[in-house]
Each structure stands twice: as structure tokens, then as C-alpha cells.
Protein backbone atom coordinates (compact mmCIF):
# COMPACT_ATOMS: atom_id res chain seq x y z
CA UNK A 1 1.99 -24.76 -9.74
CA UNK A 2 5.01 -22.95 -11.11
CA UNK A 3 5.90 -19.34 -10.45
CA UNK A 4 4.50 -18.01 -13.75
CA UNK A 5 1.15 -19.71 -13.14
CA UNK A 6 1.02 -18.36 -9.60
CA UNK A 7 1.90 -14.85 -10.73
CA UNK A 8 -0.72 -14.91 -13.49
CA UNK A 9 -3.34 -16.31 -11.12
CA UNK A 10 -2.75 -13.52 -8.58
CA UNK A 11 -2.08 -10.64 -10.97
CA UNK A 12 1.54 -10.11 -10.02
CA UNK A 13 4.91 -10.94 -11.54
CA UNK A 14 7.40 -13.74 -10.97
CA UNK A 15 9.95 -11.02 -10.20
CA UNK A 16 7.78 -9.72 -7.33
CA UNK A 17 7.31 -13.23 -5.93
CA UNK A 18 11.06 -13.89 -6.03
CA UNK A 19 11.64 -10.53 -4.30
CA UNK A 20 9.26 -11.48 -1.46
CA UNK A 21 11.02 -14.83 -1.07
CA UNK A 22 14.53 -13.40 -1.28
CA UNK A 23 13.78 -10.84 1.44
CA UNK A 24 12.04 -13.33 3.73
CA UNK A 25 8.47 -12.03 3.28
CA UNK A 26 7.43 -15.43 1.90
CA UNK A 27 8.98 -18.79 2.71
CA UNK A 28 10.88 -20.57 -0.03
CA UNK A 29 8.58 -22.99 -1.85
CA UNK A 30 9.20 -26.65 -2.48
CA UNK A 31 11.43 -27.45 -5.44
CA UNK A 32 10.90 -30.09 -8.07
CA UNK A 33 13.64 -32.45 -9.25
CA UNK A 34 14.67 -29.96 -11.91
CA UNK A 35 14.83 -27.19 -9.24
CA UNK A 36 11.70 -25.34 -10.42
CA UNK A 37 9.72 -23.67 -7.68
CA UNK A 38 6.51 -25.56 -6.97
CA UNK A 39 3.76 -23.64 -5.19
CA UNK A 40 0.83 -25.14 -3.34
CA UNK A 41 -2.66 -23.72 -2.93
CA UNK A 42 -1.71 -22.66 0.60
CA UNK A 43 1.27 -20.76 -0.83
CA UNK A 44 -1.13 -19.03 -3.22
CA UNK A 45 -3.51 -18.17 -0.36
CA UNK A 46 -0.69 -16.68 1.69
CA UNK A 47 0.56 -14.60 -1.24
CA UNK A 48 -3.00 -13.51 -2.10
CA UNK A 49 -3.44 -12.20 1.44
CA UNK A 50 -0.06 -10.47 1.40
CA UNK A 51 -0.88 -8.76 -1.91
CA UNK A 52 -4.33 -7.77 -0.69
CA UNK A 53 -2.93 -6.23 2.46
CA UNK A 54 -0.37 -4.32 0.42
CA UNK A 55 -3.20 -2.96 -1.75
CA UNK A 56 -4.63 -1.54 1.48
CA UNK A 57 -1.31 0.31 1.88
CA UNK A 58 -0.08 -1.73 4.83
CA UNK A 59 3.73 -1.78 5.05
CA UNK A 60 5.25 -4.85 3.42
CA UNK A 61 6.71 -6.11 6.71
CA UNK A 62 3.34 -5.92 8.44
CA UNK A 63 1.48 -7.46 5.49
CA UNK A 64 3.95 -10.35 5.35
CA UNK A 65 3.72 -10.92 9.11
CA UNK A 66 -0.09 -10.99 9.05
CA UNK A 67 -0.16 -13.28 6.00
CA UNK A 68 2.28 -15.61 7.78
CA UNK A 69 0.17 -15.66 10.93
CA UNK A 70 -2.92 -16.58 8.94
CA UNK A 71 -0.97 -19.30 7.10
CA UNK A 72 -0.10 -20.72 10.54
CA UNK A 73 -3.80 -20.91 11.40
CA UNK A 74 -3.88 -17.75 13.50
CA UNK A 75 -6.33 -15.80 11.34
CA UNK A 76 -8.32 -14.77 14.41
CA UNK A 77 -5.25 -12.88 15.70
CA UNK A 78 -4.82 -11.35 12.25
CA UNK A 79 -8.37 -10.04 12.41
CA UNK A 80 -7.65 -8.30 15.73
CA UNK A 81 -4.44 -6.70 14.43
CA UNK A 82 -6.08 -5.81 11.14
CA UNK A 83 -8.88 -3.92 12.92
CA UNK A 84 -6.29 -1.72 14.63
CA UNK A 85 -4.32 -1.23 11.40
CA UNK A 86 -7.48 -0.25 9.51
CA UNK A 87 -8.28 2.42 12.10
CA UNK A 88 -4.77 3.84 11.81
CA UNK A 89 -4.85 3.77 8.00
CA UNK A 90 -8.23 5.50 7.85
CA UNK A 91 -7.03 8.25 10.21
CA UNK A 92 -3.93 8.73 8.06
CA UNK A 93 -6.07 8.80 4.93
CA UNK A 94 -8.36 11.48 6.42
CA UNK A 95 -5.30 13.58 7.28
CA UNK A 96 -3.91 13.21 3.75
CA UNK A 97 -7.29 14.09 2.23
CA UNK A 98 -7.42 17.28 4.33
CA UNK A 99 -3.90 18.18 3.16
CA UNK A 100 -4.86 17.55 -0.46
CA UNK A 101 -8.02 19.65 -0.09
CA UNK A 102 -6.01 22.52 1.36
CA UNK A 103 -3.50 22.25 -1.48
CA UNK A 104 -6.33 22.28 -4.03
CA UNK A 105 -7.73 25.47 -2.49
CA UNK A 106 -4.31 27.13 -2.60
CA UNK A 107 -3.79 26.10 -6.22
CA UNK A 108 -7.25 27.35 -7.19
CA UNK A 109 -6.52 30.69 -5.52
CA UNK A 110 -3.19 31.02 -7.33
CA UNK A 111 -4.80 29.97 -10.60
CA UNK A 112 -7.42 32.70 -10.17
CA UNK A 113 -4.77 35.32 -9.42
CA UNK A 114 -2.77 34.32 -12.49
CA UNK A 115 -5.88 34.33 -14.71
CA UNK A 116 -6.65 37.87 -13.48
CA UNK A 117 -3.19 38.96 -14.62
CA UNK A 118 -1.65 39.25 -11.18
CA UNK A 119 1.98 38.19 -10.79
CA UNK A 120 2.62 35.03 -8.78
CA UNK A 121 3.34 35.73 -5.16
CA UNK A 122 5.75 33.64 -3.10
CA UNK A 123 3.72 30.57 -2.18
CA UNK A 124 5.65 29.92 0.99
CA UNK A 125 4.77 33.34 2.40
CA UNK A 126 1.09 32.83 1.58
CA UNK A 127 0.42 29.91 3.85
CA UNK A 128 -2.42 29.36 6.29
CA UNK A 129 -1.17 32.20 8.49
CA UNK A 130 -2.12 34.82 5.85
CA UNK A 131 -5.14 33.41 4.05
CA UNK A 132 -6.43 30.77 6.45
CA UNK A 133 -8.70 28.12 5.01
CA UNK A 134 -10.98 30.68 3.34
CA UNK A 135 -9.13 30.76 0.06
């Protein structure tokens, strides 16, 4: 299949596919006599996995490496590495959620102060050390 068909099939763009190829995240596909890129179903499977891993917020380099390993028939190794990556991503996500929750509490506190007619206080000086988490 040609690049436009592949992109449409996987919900991406030809530009993104060319980027992955140009930077070595995907191997160059076969070319037809008129030099059009010609993708196989295995190329589509590899790209589908790469895109799926990116949607899980894995770094592009890691997603491309894992997709390549699976394309080489080493999906069992990918599963092992993916389990570790998922644990790391979930821990990072929990940390980010805690930070966002803290920020929301600070914003709500400031919003309440402003609604009550109080002047805004320097936000930097009113960190955890003054108000703690009980905002």
C-alpha cells in the first residue's frame, strides 16, 4: 500500500511516516518502479505498534526500538520491557497527578482570596512551607 493509504489506515499523516523513516525510527520501505513507497502489512503492524506506544507516552526512541524488536519476532522480549516501562510511566503519572492536585488547591485558594476582595499575594512566597497541603 502507498503512504497515504497507510497513514489513513493508522490515523496518522504521510509527513509523520516520512519523519520516522528519515530519522531511522522506521526502516525505509520497498519502492516501486516509479519510486513510490510501497508498504507491506508487516510495515503497517510495526508502525501501528510504534504509534500505540507513543500514545502511551513512551519516548519515540524507546517506542521505535520496541516496535522493531517485535517486527523481528522478539515480541516476548518487548512484553518484558513494556512491563517495566508501564510501571515507570504509572509512577510518573501519579507524581504528575499529585502536582496537578496541589496546583489546583493553590489556585482555588487564590481564587477565593481574590473573590473576597483581598489583593493577590506573591505566589512564590506562599508555597507549601506556609500553607501546607491544607489549602
